[in-house]
Amino acid sequence: MSRILGDLTRRRTLTYREVGATRTPDALPAGFHHLRHSAAVGHGPAAFRAAAEAVTTWRMHLAGGARVRASAGRAAPGVTLEVALGIGPLALGVPCRVIWVPEEEHRAGFAYGTLTGHPECGEEAFLVELEPGGTVRFTVTAFSRPAAWYTRLAGPLVPRLQLAYARRLGRVLTRIAAAG
């Protein structure tokens, strides 16, 4: 994984203007690819607490095969992180900053935005919600567009990979929620 976390200072800037737009998933900004994925991952308060903890402490990403280096052990606005996928020197580390965290009793998670040096430009939210009937729902909402030559070259493959990763995280959370 790259060693950019030490370089993730306030100098690094967000690469898009629509900061916080994932708060309103039905009104994502134009000019970006939109991702909306939702899956039931468990049932009941214990499953919700387990899934919420996994999302907000990076465990979901780690269990999903990513490596995470973060300036804090839990998601909070302003926390910077690098998420890397891949093997050894082929791992691609991408810099992000947590933009918002819901402060609701039955909803947990975070949204992060891309920083300079990220191959995409946009924002992604990972939320877990305990619905009134007891279903625990995991939702990924994102808007993005290429910011590097190789993501532009990959074209329609990138959105497919993003959806595959969101589905993978849903399966990971299902296992974590079941273990309670």
N, C-alpha and C. Protein backbone atom coordinates (compact mmCIF):
# COMPACT_ATOMS: atom_id res chain seq x y z
N MET A 1 0.85 -1.18 0.00
CA MET A 1 0.00 0.00 0.00
C MET A 1 0.89 1.23 0.00
N SER A 2 0.43 2.28 -0.60
CA SER A 2 1.22 3.50 -0.64
C SER A 2 1.31 4.10 0.76
N ARG A 3 2.19 5.03 0.92
CA ARG A 3 2.43 5.64 2.23
C ARG A 3 1.93 7.08 2.23
N ILE A 4 0.76 7.32 1.73
CA ILE A 4 0.30 8.70 1.62
C ILE A 4 -0.39 9.21 2.88
N LEU A 5 -0.71 8.33 3.83
CA LEU A 5 -1.47 8.80 5.00
C LEU A 5 -0.72 9.90 5.73
N GLY A 6 0.59 9.76 5.88
CA GLY A 6 1.35 10.82 6.53
C GLY A 6 1.23 12.13 5.79
N ASP A 7 0.88 12.05 4.52
CA ASP A 7 0.73 13.21 3.67
C ASP A 7 -0.72 13.71 3.64
N LEU A 8 -1.61 13.01 4.33
CA LEU A 8 -3.02 13.42 4.31
C LEU A 8 -3.25 14.54 5.32
N THR A 9 -2.76 15.68 5.01
CA THR A 9 -2.92 16.84 5.87
C THR A 9 -4.06 17.69 5.34
N ARG A 10 -4.31 18.77 5.98
CA ARG A 10 -5.36 19.68 5.53
C ARG A 10 -5.03 20.28 4.16
N ARG A 11 -3.74 20.17 3.71
CA ARG A 11 -3.39 20.66 2.37
C ARG A 11 -4.15 19.91 1.31
N ARG A 12 -4.37 18.63 1.53
CA ARG A 12 -5.12 17.85 0.54
C ARG A 12 -6.54 18.38 0.55
N THR A 13 -7.08 18.53 -0.63
CA THR A 13 -8.40 19.12 -0.72
C THR A 13 -9.39 18.14 -1.33
N LEU A 14 -10.65 18.37 -1.04
CA LEU A 14 -11.71 17.59 -1.67
C LEU A 14 -11.72 17.92 -3.15
N THR A 15 -12.06 16.94 -3.96
CA THR A 15 -11.96 17.11 -5.41
C THR A 15 -13.30 17.38 -6.08
N TYR A 16 -14.29 17.76 -5.32
CA TYR A 16 -15.62 18.00 -5.88
C TYR A 16 -16.31 19.09 -5.05
N ARG A 17 -17.29 19.75 -5.65
CA ARG A 17 -17.98 20.86 -4.99
C ARG A 17 -19.22 20.43 -4.22
N GLU A 18 -19.78 19.29 -4.57
CA GLU A 18 -21.09 18.88 -4.06
C GLU A 18 -20.96 18.16 -2.72
N VAL A 19 -20.19 18.72 -1.81
CA VAL A 19 -19.88 18.09 -0.52
C VAL A 19 -21.17 17.89 0.29
N GLY A 20 -21.36 16.65 0.74
CA GLY A 20 -22.54 16.31 1.55
C GLY A 20 -23.74 15.87 0.75
N ALA A 21 -23.63 15.81 -0.56
CA ALA A 21 -24.78 15.49 -1.41
C ALA A 21 -25.33 14.08 -1.18
N THR A 22 -24.55 13.18 -0.60
CA THR A 22 -25.06 11.83 -0.34
C THR A 22 -26.08 11.82 0.80
N ARG A 23 -26.24 12.93 1.51
CA ARG A 23 -27.29 13.02 2.54
C ARG A 23 -28.68 12.91 1.91
N THR A 24 -28.79 13.31 0.66
CA THR A 24 -30.08 13.26 -0.05
C THR A 24 -29.93 12.35 -1.27
N PRO A 25 -30.03 11.03 -1.04
CA PRO A 25 -29.76 10.08 -2.12
C PRO A 25 -30.68 10.20 -3.33
N ASP A 26 -31.83 10.80 -3.17
CA ASP A 26 -32.74 10.94 -4.31
C ASP A 26 -32.42 12.17 -5.16
N ALA A 27 -31.45 12.96 -4.72
CA ALA A 27 -31.11 14.18 -5.45
C ALA A 27 -29.59 14.29 -5.64
N LEU A 28 -28.97 13.22 -6.10
CA LEU A 28 -27.53 13.24 -6.33
C LEU A 28 -27.20 14.18 -7.50
N PRO A 29 -26.03 14.79 -7.48
CA PRO A 29 -25.70 15.78 -8.50
C PRO A 29 -25.55 15.19 -9.90
N ALA A 30 -25.92 16.00 -10.88
CA ALA A 30 -25.78 15.62 -12.29
C ALA A 30 -24.30 15.63 -12.66
N GLY A 31 -23.98 14.91 -13.73
CA GLY A 31 -22.62 14.89 -14.23
C GLY A 31 -21.74 13.83 -13.59
N PHE A 32 -22.33 12.98 -12.75
CA PHE A 32 -21.62 11.91 -12.07
C PHE A 32 -22.34 10.59 -12.31
N HIS A 33 -21.61 9.50 -12.19
CA HIS A 33 -22.24 8.18 -12.14
C HIS A 33 -22.85 8.05 -10.76
N HIS A 34 -24.07 7.52 -10.67
CA HIS A 34 -24.75 7.34 -9.39
C HIS A 34 -24.80 5.86 -9.03
N LEU A 35 -24.52 5.58 -7.77
CA LEU A 35 -24.62 4.22 -7.25
C LEU A 35 -25.56 4.23 -6.07
N ARG A 36 -26.54 3.34 -6.12
CA ARG A 36 -27.45 3.13 -5.00
C ARG A 36 -27.60 1.62 -4.84
N HIS A 37 -27.16 1.13 -3.69
CA HIS A 37 -27.27 -0.29 -3.41
C HIS A 37 -27.77 -0.46 -1.99
N SER A 38 -28.75 -1.32 -1.81
CA SER A 38 -29.32 -1.55 -0.49
C SER A 38 -29.56 -3.04 -0.31
N ALA A 39 -29.28 -3.53 0.91
CA ALA A 39 -29.48 -4.94 1.20
C ALA A 39 -29.83 -5.12 2.67
N ALA A 40 -30.76 -6.03 2.95
CA ALA A 40 -31.04 -6.42 4.33
C ALA A 40 -29.86 -7.26 4.80
N VAL A 41 -29.30 -6.91 5.98
CA VAL A 41 -28.11 -7.63 6.46
C VAL A 41 -28.35 -8.29 7.82
N GLY A 42 -29.53 -8.17 8.37
CA GLY A 42 -29.80 -8.78 9.65
C GLY A 42 -31.14 -8.36 10.20
N HIS A 43 -31.38 -8.72 11.46
CA HIS A 43 -32.65 -8.39 12.10
C HIS A 43 -32.43 -8.15 13.59
N GLY A 44 -32.97 -7.06 14.07
CA GLY A 44 -32.96 -6.78 15.49
C GLY A 44 -31.86 -5.85 15.95
N PRO A 45 -32.01 -5.35 17.18
CA PRO A 45 -31.06 -4.37 17.73
C PRO A 45 -29.62 -4.89 17.84
N ALA A 46 -29.43 -6.15 18.20
CA ALA A 46 -28.06 -6.67 18.33
C ALA A 46 -27.36 -6.70 16.98
N ALA A 47 -28.08 -7.11 15.94
CA ALA A 47 -27.50 -7.12 14.59
C ALA A 47 -27.20 -5.69 14.14
N PHE A 48 -28.09 -4.76 14.46
CA PHE A 48 -27.86 -3.35 14.11
C PHE A 48 -26.59 -2.84 14.78
N ARG A 49 -26.46 -3.08 16.08
CA ARG A 49 -25.29 -2.59 16.81
C ARG A 49 -23.99 -3.18 16.24
N ALA A 50 -24.01 -4.47 15.92
CA ALA A 50 -22.82 -5.12 15.36
C ALA A 50 -22.46 -4.53 14.00
N ALA A 51 -23.47 -4.36 13.16
CA ALA A 51 -23.23 -3.81 11.82
C ALA A 51 -22.77 -2.35 11.91
N ALA A 52 -23.40 -1.57 12.77
CA ALA A 52 -23.04 -0.16 12.94
C ALA A 52 -21.60 -0.02 13.41
N GLU A 53 -21.21 -0.84 14.36
CA GLU A 53 -19.83 -0.81 14.86
C GLU A 53 -18.85 -1.20 13.76
N ALA A 54 -19.19 -2.19 12.96
CA ALA A 54 -18.30 -2.63 11.88
C ALA A 54 -18.13 -1.55 10.83
N VAL A 55 -19.19 -0.83 10.52
CA VAL A 55 -19.10 0.22 9.51
C VAL A 55 -18.28 1.39 10.04
N THR A 56 -18.55 1.84 11.24
CA THR A 56 -17.92 3.07 11.73
C THR A 56 -16.49 2.88 12.24
N THR A 57 -16.04 1.64 12.41
CA THR A 57 -14.66 1.40 12.87
C THR A 57 -13.78 0.80 11.78
N TRP A 58 -14.22 0.85 10.54
CA TRP A 58 -13.48 0.37 9.37
C TRP A 58 -13.47 -1.16 9.28
N ARG A 59 -14.04 -1.87 10.25
CA ARG A 59 -14.02 -3.34 10.23
C ARG A 59 -14.69 -3.90 8.97
N MET A 60 -15.76 -3.27 8.53
CA MET A 60 -16.45 -3.73 7.33
C MET A 60 -15.50 -3.71 6.14
N HIS A 61 -14.78 -2.61 5.94
CA HIS A 61 -13.84 -2.51 4.83
C HIS A 61 -12.73 -3.55 4.98
N LEU A 62 -12.20 -3.69 6.18
CA LEU A 62 -11.12 -4.65 6.43
C LEU A 62 -11.59 -6.07 6.14
N ALA A 63 -12.77 -6.44 6.63
CA ALA A 63 -13.31 -7.78 6.41
C ALA A 63 -13.68 -7.99 4.94
N GLY A 64 -13.88 -6.90 4.22
CA GLY A 64 -14.18 -6.98 2.79
C GLY A 64 -12.95 -7.08 1.91
N GLY A 65 -11.77 -7.14 2.53
CA GLY A 65 -10.55 -7.32 1.77
C GLY A 65 -9.73 -6.08 1.54
N ALA A 66 -10.18 -4.94 2.06
CA ALA A 66 -9.42 -3.70 1.89
C ALA A 66 -8.45 -3.52 3.06
N ARG A 67 -7.45 -2.72 2.82
CA ARG A 67 -6.58 -2.27 3.90
C ARG A 67 -6.94 -0.81 4.16
N VAL A 68 -6.95 -0.45 5.42
CA VAL A 68 -7.33 0.91 5.79
C VAL A 68 -6.27 1.49 6.71
N ARG A 69 -5.86 2.69 6.39
CA ARG A 69 -5.02 3.49 7.29
C ARG A 69 -5.80 4.76 7.53
N ALA A 70 -6.04 5.08 8.80
CA ALA A 70 -6.88 6.23 9.11
C ALA A 70 -6.26 7.06 10.23
N SER A 71 -6.65 8.33 10.27
CA SER A 71 -6.15 9.22 11.32
C SER A 71 -6.90 9.01 12.63
N ALA A 72 -7.93 8.16 12.63
CA ALA A 72 -8.68 7.83 13.85
C ALA A 72 -9.26 6.43 13.70
N GLY A 73 -9.58 5.81 14.80
CA GLY A 73 -10.11 4.45 14.79
C GLY A 73 -11.59 4.37 14.48
N ARG A 74 -12.25 5.51 14.41
CA ARG A 74 -13.70 5.55 14.16
C ARG A 74 -14.01 6.72 13.23
N ALA A 75 -15.01 6.53 12.40
CA ALA A 75 -15.43 7.59 11.48
C ALA A 75 -15.97 8.79 12.25
N ALA A 76 -15.49 9.96 11.87
CA ALA A 76 -15.97 11.23 12.41
C ALA A 76 -15.64 12.29 11.36
N PRO A 77 -16.43 13.34 11.28
CA PRO A 77 -16.14 14.37 10.29
C PRO A 77 -14.70 14.87 10.42
N GLY A 78 -14.01 14.93 9.27
CA GLY A 78 -12.64 15.40 9.23
C GLY A 78 -11.59 14.31 9.30
N VAL A 79 -11.97 13.08 9.66
CA VAL A 79 -11.01 11.99 9.71
C VAL A 79 -10.54 11.70 8.29
N THR A 80 -9.23 11.57 8.11
CA THR A 80 -8.68 11.23 6.81
C THR A 80 -8.30 9.76 6.81
N LEU A 81 -8.43 9.14 5.65
CA LEU A 81 -8.08 7.74 5.55
C LEU A 81 -7.63 7.40 4.15
N GLU A 82 -6.96 6.28 4.08
CA GLU A 82 -6.55 5.70 2.81
C GLU A 82 -7.11 4.29 2.79
N VAL A 83 -7.87 3.98 1.77
CA VAL A 83 -8.42 2.63 1.59
C VAL A 83 -7.68 2.04 0.40
N ALA A 84 -7.17 0.82 0.57
CA ALA A 84 -6.40 0.19 -0.50
C ALA A 84 -6.97 -1.17 -0.82
N LEU A 85 -7.10 -1.44 -2.10
CA LEU A 85 -7.49 -2.75 -2.61
C LEU A 85 -6.39 -3.23 -3.53
N GLY A 86 -6.17 -4.52 -3.54
CA GLY A 86 -5.14 -5.08 -4.38
C GLY A 86 -4.13 -5.84 -3.55
N ILE A 87 -3.15 -6.39 -4.23
CA ILE A 87 -2.16 -7.24 -3.57
C ILE A 87 -0.77 -6.61 -3.67
N GLY A 88 -0.10 -6.53 -2.53
CA GLY A 88 1.28 -6.06 -2.48
C GLY A 88 1.48 -4.75 -3.20
N PRO A 89 2.50 -4.70 -4.09
CA PRO A 89 2.79 -3.44 -4.77
C PRO A 89 1.72 -3.06 -5.79
N LEU A 90 0.81 -3.97 -6.08
CA LEU A 90 -0.28 -3.66 -7.01
C LEU A 90 -1.48 -3.03 -6.30
N ALA A 91 -1.41 -2.87 -4.99
CA ALA A 91 -2.50 -2.27 -4.24
C ALA A 91 -2.61 -0.79 -4.59
N LEU A 92 -3.83 -0.34 -4.74
CA LEU A 92 -4.09 1.06 -5.04
C LEU A 92 -4.68 1.70 -3.80
N GLY A 93 -3.96 2.61 -3.18
CA GLY A 93 -4.45 3.32 -2.00
C GLY A 93 -5.09 4.63 -2.42
N VAL A 94 -6.28 4.88 -1.93
CA VAL A 94 -7.01 6.08 -2.34
C VAL A 94 -7.32 6.94 -1.11
N PRO A 95 -7.00 8.25 -1.17
CA PRO A 95 -7.21 9.14 -0.04
C PRO A 95 -8.63 9.70 0.01
N CYS A 96 -9.19 9.70 1.22
CA CYS A 96 -10.56 10.19 1.44
C CYS A 96 -10.62 10.96 2.75
N ARG A 97 -11.68 11.73 2.91
CA ARG A 97 -11.95 12.41 4.18
C ARG A 97 -13.42 12.19 4.53
N VAL A 98 -13.66 11.84 5.79
CA VAL A 98 -15.04 11.67 6.25
C VAL A 98 -15.72 13.03 6.23
N ILE A 99 -16.88 13.07 5.58
CA ILE A 99 -17.62 14.31 5.38
C ILE A 99 -18.73 14.48 6.42
N TRP A 100 -19.49 13.42 6.60
CA TRP A 100 -20.60 13.49 7.57
C TRP A 100 -20.86 12.13 8.17
N VAL A 101 -21.42 12.18 9.37
CA VAL A 101 -21.79 10.99 10.13
C VAL A 101 -23.19 11.25 10.67
N PRO A 102 -24.14 10.34 10.43
CA PRO A 102 -25.49 10.57 10.95
C PRO A 102 -25.50 10.49 12.47
N GLU A 103 -26.31 11.31 13.08
CA GLU A 103 -26.44 11.30 14.53
C GLU A 103 -27.88 10.96 14.88
N GLU A 104 -28.22 9.71 14.60
CA GLU A 104 -29.58 9.24 14.83
C GLU A 104 -29.51 7.91 15.57
N GLU A 105 -30.51 7.64 16.38
CA GLU A 105 -30.52 6.44 17.22
C GLU A 105 -30.54 5.14 16.41
N HIS A 106 -31.25 5.12 15.30
CA HIS A 106 -31.41 3.89 14.53
C HIS A 106 -30.72 3.95 13.17
N ARG A 107 -29.72 4.81 13.06
CA ARG A 107 -28.99 4.97 11.80
C ARG A 107 -27.53 5.28 12.13
N ALA A 108 -26.61 4.57 11.49
CA ALA A 108 -25.18 4.78 11.73
C ALA A 108 -24.41 4.63 10.44
N GLY A 109 -23.23 5.17 10.41
CA GLY A 109 -22.37 5.05 9.24
C GLY A 109 -21.61 6.33 9.00
N PHE A 110 -21.24 6.55 7.75
CA PHE A 110 -20.49 7.75 7.40
C PHE A 110 -20.48 7.92 5.89
N ALA A 111 -20.09 9.10 5.47
CA ALA A 111 -19.82 9.37 4.05
C ALA A 111 -18.43 9.95 3.96
N TYR A 112 -17.69 9.48 2.94
CA TYR A 112 -16.39 10.12 2.71
C TYR A 112 -16.31 10.66 1.31
N GLY A 113 -15.46 11.69 1.19
CA GLY A 113 -15.26 12.34 -0.09
C GLY A 113 -13.84 12.14 -0.56
N THR A 114 -13.66 12.21 -1.86
CA THR A 114 -12.35 12.00 -2.46
C THR A 114 -11.45 13.22 -2.27
N LEU A 115 -10.19 12.94 -1.99
CA LEU A 115 -9.17 13.98 -1.86
C LEU A 115 -8.26 13.96 -3.08
N THR A 116 -7.50 15.02 -3.26
CA THR A 116 -6.54 15.06 -4.37
C THR A 116 -5.67 13.81 -4.31
N GLY A 117 -5.45 13.20 -5.46
CA GLY A 117 -4.71 11.96 -5.54
C GLY A 117 -5.59 10.74 -5.68
N HIS A 118 -6.89 10.89 -5.49
CA HIS A 118 -7.84 9.78 -5.65
C HIS A 118 -8.15 9.63 -7.14
N PRO A 119 -8.23 8.41 -7.65
CA PRO A 119 -8.51 8.23 -9.08
C PRO A 119 -9.94 8.53 -9.50
N GLU A 120 -10.81 8.72 -8.53
CA GLU A 120 -12.19 9.11 -8.80
C GLU A 120 -12.45 10.45 -8.12
N CYS A 121 -13.53 11.07 -8.46
CA CYS A 121 -13.94 12.34 -7.88
C CYS A 121 -15.38 12.15 -7.42
N GLY A 122 -15.66 12.36 -6.12
CA GLY A 122 -17.03 12.22 -5.65
C GLY A 122 -17.12 11.84 -4.19
N GLU A 123 -18.24 11.28 -3.83
CA GLU A 123 -18.56 10.98 -2.44
C GLU A 123 -19.30 9.65 -2.34
N GLU A 124 -19.09 8.96 -1.22
CA GLU A 124 -19.74 7.66 -1.02
C GLU A 124 -20.17 7.56 0.44
N ALA A 125 -21.41 7.13 0.64
CA ALA A 125 -21.97 6.97 1.99
C ALA A 125 -22.24 5.50 2.26
N PHE A 126 -21.91 5.05 3.47
CA PHE A 126 -22.14 3.68 3.93
C PHE A 126 -23.00 3.78 5.17
N LEU A 127 -24.26 3.39 5.08
CA LEU A 127 -25.19 3.57 6.19
C LEU A 127 -25.86 2.27 6.57
N VAL A 128 -26.09 2.12 7.87
CA VAL A 128 -26.82 0.99 8.42
C VAL A 128 -28.01 1.58 9.16
N GLU A 129 -29.19 0.98 8.94
CA GLU A 129 -30.41 1.50 9.56
C GLU A 129 -31.21 0.35 10.16
N LEU A 130 -31.72 0.58 11.35
CA LEU A 130 -32.65 -0.37 11.98
C LEU A 130 -34.05 0.12 11.64
N GLU A 131 -34.73 -0.62 10.76
CA GLU A 131 -36.05 -0.21 10.30
C GLU A 131 -37.10 -0.54 11.38
N PRO A 132 -38.26 0.10 11.32
CA PRO A 132 -39.29 -0.13 12.34
C PRO A 132 -39.67 -1.59 12.55
N GLY A 133 -39.66 -2.41 11.51
CA GLY A 133 -40.00 -3.83 11.65
C GLY A 133 -38.85 -4.69 12.18
N GLY A 134 -37.69 -4.08 12.40
CA GLY A 134 -36.55 -4.81 12.94
C GLY A 134 -35.51 -5.20 11.91
N THR A 135 -35.79 -5.00 10.63
CA THR A 135 -34.81 -5.31 9.59
C THR A 135 -33.64 -4.34 9.69
N VAL A 136 -32.44 -4.88 9.57
CA VAL A 136 -31.23 -4.05 9.52
C VAL A 136 -30.86 -3.92 8.06
N ARG A 137 -30.84 -2.68 7.57
CA ARG A 137 -30.59 -2.42 6.15
C ARG A 137 -29.27 -1.67 5.98
N PHE A 138 -28.47 -2.16 5.05
CA PHE A 138 -27.21 -1.52 4.69
C PHE A 138 -27.40 -0.86 3.34
N THR A 139 -27.00 0.40 3.23
CA THR A 139 -27.16 1.14 2.00
C THR A 139 -25.87 1.85 1.63
N VAL A 140 -25.50 1.72 0.38
CA VAL A 140 -24.36 2.47 -0.16
C VAL A 140 -24.92 3.42 -1.21
N THR A 141 -24.60 4.68 -1.06
CA THR A 141 -25.00 5.71 -2.01
C THR A 141 -23.75 6.46 -2.43
N ALA A 142 -23.56 6.63 -3.72
CA ALA A 142 -22.35 7.31 -4.18
C ALA A 142 -22.61 8.07 -5.48
N PHE A 143 -21.81 9.08 -5.68
CA PHE A 143 -21.72 9.73 -6.98
C PHE A 143 -20.23 9.91 -7.27
N SER A 144 -19.85 9.59 -8.48
CA SER A 144 -18.43 9.68 -8.82
C SER A 144 -18.25 9.83 -10.32
N ARG A 145 -17.05 10.28 -10.67
CA ARG A 145 -16.61 10.34 -12.07
C ARG A 145 -15.10 10.20 -12.07
N PRO A 146 -14.53 9.79 -13.18
CA PRO A 146 -13.08 9.58 -13.25
C PRO A 146 -12.31 10.87 -12.98
N ALA A 147 -11.18 10.71 -12.28
CA ALA A 147 -10.29 11.84 -12.02
C ALA A 147 -8.86 11.55 -12.47
N ALA A 148 -8.64 10.36 -12.99
CA ALA A 148 -7.31 9.97 -13.46
C ALA A 148 -7.45 9.33 -14.84
N TRP A 149 -6.37 9.35 -15.59
CA TRP A 149 -6.42 8.81 -16.95
C TRP A 149 -6.83 7.34 -16.95
N TYR A 150 -6.37 6.57 -15.97
CA TYR A 150 -6.66 5.14 -16.00
C TYR A 150 -8.11 4.84 -15.61
N THR A 151 -8.76 5.68 -14.81
CA THR A 151 -10.18 5.45 -14.53
C THR A 151 -11.03 5.92 -15.72
N ARG A 152 -10.57 6.94 -16.42
CA ARG A 152 -11.27 7.34 -17.66
C ARG A 152 -11.15 6.23 -18.70
N LEU A 153 -9.95 5.66 -18.80
CA LEU A 153 -9.71 4.58 -19.76
C LEU A 153 -10.57 3.35 -19.43
N ALA A 154 -10.75 3.06 -18.14
CA ALA A 154 -11.55 1.90 -17.72
C ALA A 154 -13.03 2.07 -18.04
N GLY A 155 -13.47 3.31 -18.24
CA GLY A 155 -14.84 3.59 -18.66
C GLY A 155 -15.90 2.93 -17.81
N PRO A 156 -16.80 2.16 -18.45
CA PRO A 156 -17.94 1.58 -17.74
C PRO A 156 -17.56 0.45 -16.77
N LEU A 157 -16.32 0.03 -16.78
CA LEU A 157 -15.89 -1.01 -15.85
C LEU A 157 -15.87 -0.50 -14.40
N VAL A 158 -15.53 0.75 -14.19
CA VAL A 158 -15.42 1.30 -12.83
C VAL A 158 -16.77 1.25 -12.09
N PRO A 159 -17.87 1.72 -12.67
CA PRO A 159 -19.14 1.61 -11.95
C PRO A 159 -19.53 0.17 -11.62
N ARG A 160 -19.20 -0.76 -12.51
CA ARG A 160 -19.49 -2.18 -12.24
C ARG A 160 -18.67 -2.68 -11.05
N LEU A 161 -17.41 -2.27 -10.98
CA LEU A 161 -16.56 -2.65 -9.86
C LEU A 161 -17.06 -2.03 -8.55
N GLN A 162 -17.53 -0.79 -8.62
CA GLN A 162 -18.07 -0.14 -7.43
C GLN A 162 -19.30 -0.89 -6.92
N LEU A 163 -20.18 -1.29 -7.81
CA LEU A 163 -21.36 -2.04 -7.40
C LEU A 163 -20.97 -3.40 -6.84
N ALA A 164 -20.03 -4.07 -7.46
CA ALA A 164 -19.57 -5.37 -6.95
C ALA A 164 -18.99 -5.22 -5.55
N TYR A 165 -18.25 -4.16 -5.30
CA TYR A 165 -17.67 -3.93 -3.97
C TYR A 165 -18.78 -3.63 -2.95
N ALA A 166 -19.77 -2.84 -3.34
CA ALA A 166 -20.90 -2.55 -2.43
C ALA A 166 -21.63 -3.84 -2.06
N ARG A 167 -21.84 -4.70 -3.03
CA ARG A 167 -22.49 -5.99 -2.75
C ARG A 167 -21.64 -6.85 -1.82
N ARG A 168 -20.34 -6.84 -2.07
CA ARG A 168 -19.42 -7.59 -1.21
C ARG A 168 -19.50 -7.10 0.23
N LEU A 169 -19.51 -5.78 0.41
CA LEU A 169 -19.62 -5.22 1.76
C LEU A 169 -20.93 -5.62 2.42
N GLY A 170 -22.01 -5.70 1.65
CA GLY A 170 -23.29 -6.16 2.19
C GLY A 170 -23.20 -7.59 2.69
N ARG A 171 -22.53 -8.44 1.95
CA ARG A 171 -22.36 -9.84 2.38
C ARG A 171 -21.50 -9.92 3.64
N VAL A 172 -20.47 -9.09 3.70
CA VAL A 172 -19.61 -9.03 4.89
C VAL A 172 -20.43 -8.61 6.10
N LEU A 173 -21.23 -7.58 5.94
CA LEU A 173 -22.04 -7.09 7.07
C LEU A 173 -23.09 -8.13 7.49
N THR A 174 -23.60 -8.89 6.55
CA THR A 174 -24.55 -9.96 6.90
C THR A 174 -23.89 -10.95 7.85
N ARG A 175 -22.66 -11.34 7.55
CA ARG A 175 -21.92 -12.26 8.43
C ARG A 175 -21.64 -11.63 9.79
N ILE A 176 -21.22 -10.38 9.79
CA ILE A 176 -20.91 -9.70 11.04
C ILE A 176 -22.16 -9.52 11.90
N ALA A 177 -23.27 -9.12 11.27
CA ALA A 177 -24.52 -8.93 12.00
C ALA A 177 -25.03 -10.25 12.57
N ALA A 178 -24.86 -11.35 11.84
CA ALA A 178 -25.31 -12.66 12.33
C ALA A 178 -24.53 -13.10 13.55
N ALA A 179 -23.26 -12.72 13.61
CA ALA A 179 -22.43 -13.08 14.77
C ALA A 179 -22.78 -12.22 15.97
N GLY A 180 -23.45 -11.08 15.68
CA GLY A 180 -23.97 -10.18 16.69
C GLY A 180 -22.97 -9.65 17.61
